[in-house]
């Protein structure tokens, strides 16, 4: 039985309820900020008792982490979509599309992500960024890198660590210096991964 034909596992009522609480928290964090949202607010928005929120999430930090995990999942989903759309052999286009994907996520208007970058949330933002970068690197390593290695010689050592530094740096550069041209980011990726010798039609 393939993944396409295998019936999906039905989510249990507790899973659905926990998801509803997370969605309520995400909406409130977006509307009024993390610092100004209480567990009581989340319970009221989700239409549940405050004790039920604590049953699934022992404290507010756990609830914030669950919300941010959704952002990480969305980013990884975008990476999967980019990888699935890659044209075998067209490395240049893959790099351009990859940079465009990063730009799209970083430019999207999202009050919650903006709130995360406030000084009082520095630790939380750094933790979120670390989780996001690690998840993206794991995704790329299991898909794109594996496909590339099947056709080319991988010219870098310490592949996961290299991608971690690269992705982390690209996010920081694109966010803090938005005027940097996409072509510059593509060149940085190509140089960092030693792709200079890879021909676009060699796969």
Protein backbone atom coordinates (compact mmCIF):
# COMPACT_ATOMS: atom_id res chain seq x y z
CA UNK A 1 0.00 0.00 0.00
CA UNK A 2 1.43 3.35 -1.04
CA UNK A 3 1.31 6.59 0.92
CA UNK A 4 -1.28 7.84 -1.55
CA UNK A 5 -3.62 4.87 -1.00
CA UNK A 6 -3.01 4.35 2.72
CA UNK A 7 -5.97 5.76 4.69
CA UNK A 8 -5.09 8.72 6.83
CA UNK A 9 -5.17 8.20 10.58
CA UNK A 10 -8.14 10.01 12.03
CA UNK A 11 -7.13 12.49 14.67
CA UNK A 12 -8.48 11.88 18.13
CA UNK A 13 -10.66 14.40 19.94
CA UNK A 14 -7.78 15.44 22.25
CA UNK A 15 -5.56 16.14 19.23
CA UNK A 16 -8.25 18.27 17.64
CA UNK A 17 -8.84 20.15 20.88
CA UNK A 18 -5.11 20.83 21.34
CA UNK A 19 -4.91 22.12 17.77
CA UNK A 20 -7.87 24.44 18.38
CA UNK A 21 -6.10 25.85 21.44
CA UNK A 22 -2.90 26.43 19.44
CA UNK A 23 -4.83 28.17 16.66
CA UNK A 24 -6.58 30.39 19.20
CA UNK A 25 -3.22 31.28 20.75
CA UNK A 26 -1.72 32.04 17.34
CA UNK A 27 -4.59 34.38 16.50
CA UNK A 28 -4.30 36.21 19.81
CA UNK A 29 -0.50 36.47 19.65
CA UNK A 30 -0.90 37.96 16.18
CA UNK A 31 -3.62 40.40 17.25
CA UNK A 32 -2.24 41.68 20.54
CA UNK A 33 1.27 40.29 20.97
CA UNK A 34 2.69 37.51 23.08
CA UNK A 35 3.31 39.61 26.19
CA UNK A 36 -0.26 40.93 26.23
CA UNK A 37 -1.94 37.54 25.82
CA UNK A 38 -2.73 35.45 28.87
CA UNK A 39 -3.65 31.80 29.16
CA UNK A 40 -7.11 32.97 30.23
CA UNK A 41 -7.42 34.89 26.95
CA UNK A 42 -6.51 31.78 24.97
CA UNK A 43 -9.01 29.65 26.86
CA UNK A 44 -11.80 32.13 26.21
CA UNK A 45 -10.94 32.39 22.50
CA UNK A 46 -10.83 28.60 22.16
CA UNK A 47 -14.05 28.20 24.14
CA UNK A 48 -12.53 25.90 26.75
CA UNK A 49 -11.80 25.99 30.47
CA UNK A 50 -8.42 27.41 31.45
CA UNK A 51 -7.61 24.10 33.15
CA UNK A 52 -7.87 22.32 29.80
CA UNK A 53 -5.28 24.65 28.30
CA UNK A 54 -2.93 23.77 31.16
CA UNK A 55 -3.70 20.08 30.62
CA UNK A 56 -2.18 20.24 27.14
CA UNK A 57 0.32 23.02 27.75
CA UNK A 58 1.79 23.23 31.28
CA UNK A 59 2.72 26.89 30.92
CA UNK A 60 2.58 29.78 28.49
CA UNK A 61 6.06 29.03 27.16
CA UNK A 62 4.89 25.58 26.06
CA UNK A 63 1.95 27.19 24.27
CA UNK A 64 4.22 29.69 22.54
CA UNK A 65 6.51 26.85 21.46
CA UNK A 66 3.55 24.98 19.97
CA UNK A 67 2.54 28.06 17.98
CA UNK A 68 6.07 28.57 16.71
CA UNK A 69 6.29 24.91 15.76
CA UNK A 70 3.51 25.64 13.29
CA UNK A 71 5.64 28.33 11.68
CA UNK A 72 8.55 25.91 11.42
CA UNK A 73 6.30 23.32 9.77
CA UNK A 74 5.10 25.88 7.23
CA UNK A 75 8.68 26.81 6.34
CA UNK A 76 9.67 23.16 5.93
CA UNK A 77 6.59 22.59 3.78
CA UNK A 78 7.73 25.42 1.51
CA UNK A 79 11.17 23.80 1.22
CA UNK A 80 9.56 20.48 0.28
CA UNK A 81 7.50 22.25 -2.38
CA UNK A 82 10.63 23.94 -3.76
CA UNK A 83 12.49 20.64 -3.87
CA UNK A 84 9.60 18.87 -5.60
CA UNK A 85 9.46 21.60 -8.26
CA UNK A 86 13.19 21.52 -9.04
CA UNK A 87 14.13 20.77 -12.64
CA UNK A 88 16.77 18.01 -12.69
CA UNK A 89 19.99 19.50 -14.02
CA UNK A 90 18.94 23.14 -13.78
CA UNK A 91 21.03 24.17 -10.80
CA UNK A 92 20.89 27.87 -11.59
CA UNK A 93 17.09 27.91 -11.59
CA UNK A 94 17.00 25.87 -8.38
CA UNK A 95 19.19 28.45 -6.64
CA UNK A 96 17.14 31.39 -7.93
CA UNK A 97 13.90 29.72 -6.86
CA UNK A 98 15.37 28.87 -3.45
CA UNK A 99 16.35 32.48 -2.77
CA UNK A 100 12.92 33.63 -3.96
CA UNK A 101 11.28 31.22 -1.52
CA UNK A 102 13.30 32.64 1.37
CA UNK A 103 12.41 36.18 0.31
CA UNK A 104 8.71 35.33 0.17
CA UNK A 105 8.70 34.06 3.73
CA UNK A 106 10.77 36.90 5.10
CA UNK A 107 8.76 39.61 3.34
CA UNK A 108 5.33 38.30 4.27
CA UNK A 109 3.47 40.60 6.65
CA UNK A 110 3.08 38.84 9.99
CA UNK A 111 2.62 40.82 13.22
CA UNK A 112 3.55 37.79 15.33
CA UNK A 113 6.93 37.37 13.65
CA UNK A 114 7.50 41.10 14.03
CA UNK A 115 6.59 40.83 17.71
CA UNK A 116 9.11 38.02 18.13
CA UNK A 117 11.90 40.39 17.14
CA UNK A 118 11.19 42.84 19.94
CA UNK A 119 14.01 43.16 22.46
CA UNK A 120 12.08 41.41 25.22
CA UNK A 121 11.65 38.33 23.03
CA UNK A 122 15.28 38.00 21.91
CA UNK A 123 15.79 34.63 23.57
CA UNK A 124 12.50 33.30 22.22
CA UNK A 125 13.27 34.50 18.69
CA UNK A 126 16.74 32.96 18.74
CA UNK A 127 15.28 29.65 19.90
CA UNK A 128 12.64 29.79 17.18
CA UNK A 129 15.20 30.64 14.49
CA UNK A 130 17.46 27.80 15.60
CA UNK A 131 14.60 25.31 15.40
CA UNK A 132 13.53 26.59 12.01
CA UNK A 133 17.03 26.46 10.55
CA UNK A 134 17.67 22.96 11.91
CA UNK A 135 14.38 21.71 10.48
CA UNK A 136 15.13 23.24 7.08
CA UNK A 137 18.64 21.78 7.04
CA UNK A 138 17.32 18.31 7.89
CA UNK A 139 14.79 18.62 5.07
CA UNK A 140 17.36 19.82 2.52
CA UNK A 141 19.88 17.18 3.54
CA UNK A 142 17.34 14.37 3.14
CA UNK A 143 16.05 15.57 -0.22
CA UNK A 144 18.08 18.05 -2.25
CA UNK A 145 21.55 17.09 -1.04
CA UNK A 146 20.86 13.40 -1.53
CA UNK A 147 19.59 13.99 -5.08
CA UNK A 148 22.57 16.22 -5.89
CA UNK A 149 25.07 13.71 -4.50
CA UNK A 150 23.64 11.01 -6.76
CA UNK A 151 24.77 13.01 -9.82
CA UNK A 152 27.66 15.18 -8.65
CA UNK A 153 30.61 15.11 -6.35
CA UNK A 154 29.78 16.95 -3.14
CA UNK A 155 32.73 19.30 -2.68
CA UNK A 156 32.12 20.29 0.92
CA UNK A 157 32.78 18.62 4.24
CA UNK A 158 30.59 18.79 7.34
CA UNK A 159 27.47 19.09 5.19
CA UNK A 160 24.85 19.66 7.95
CA UNK A 161 26.99 22.24 9.71
CA UNK A 162 27.75 24.05 6.45
CA UNK A 163 24.07 24.26 5.57
CA UNK A 164 23.21 25.43 9.09
CA UNK A 165 25.66 28.34 8.84
CA UNK A 166 24.51 29.11 5.29
CA UNK A 167 20.77 29.12 6.02
CA UNK A 168 21.20 31.04 9.27
CA UNK A 169 23.35 33.61 7.49
CA UNK A 170 20.99 33.97 4.54
CA UNK A 171 18.03 34.60 6.83
CA UNK A 172 19.96 37.24 8.75
CA UNK A 173 21.33 38.95 5.66
CA UNK A 174 18.02 38.98 3.80
CA UNK A 175 16.14 40.28 6.84
CA UNK A 176 18.63 42.91 8.00
CA UNK A 177 19.83 44.01 4.56
CA UNK A 178 16.74 43.65 2.34
CA UNK A 179 18.34 45.83 -0.32
CA UNK A 180 20.83 43.06 -1.16
CA UNK A 181 20.01 41.76 -4.63
CA UNK A 182 18.84 38.17 -5.10
CA UNK A 183 21.71 37.59 -7.51
CA UNK A 184 24.14 38.33 -4.69
CA UNK A 185 22.45 35.76 -2.45
CA UNK A 186 22.56 33.18 -5.25
CA UNK A 187 26.28 33.82 -5.70
CA UNK A 188 26.87 33.42 -1.96
CA UNK A 189 25.09 30.06 -1.96
CA UNK A 190 26.99 28.87 -5.02
CA UNK A 191 30.33 29.85 -3.50
CA UNK A 192 29.58 28.44 -0.05
CA UNK A 193 28.55 25.08 -1.49
CA UNK A 194 31.35 25.01 -4.08
CA UNK A 195 28.89 24.75 -6.95
CA UNK A 196 31.04 26.79 -9.32
CA UNK A 197 32.03 23.69 -11.28
CA UNK A 198 28.59 22.15 -11.46
CA UNK A 199 27.16 22.54 -14.94
CA UNK A 200 23.50 23.42 -15.18
CA UNK A 201 22.89 20.57 -17.63
CA UNK A 202 25.06 17.91 -16.00
CA UNK A 203 22.42 16.04 -14.03
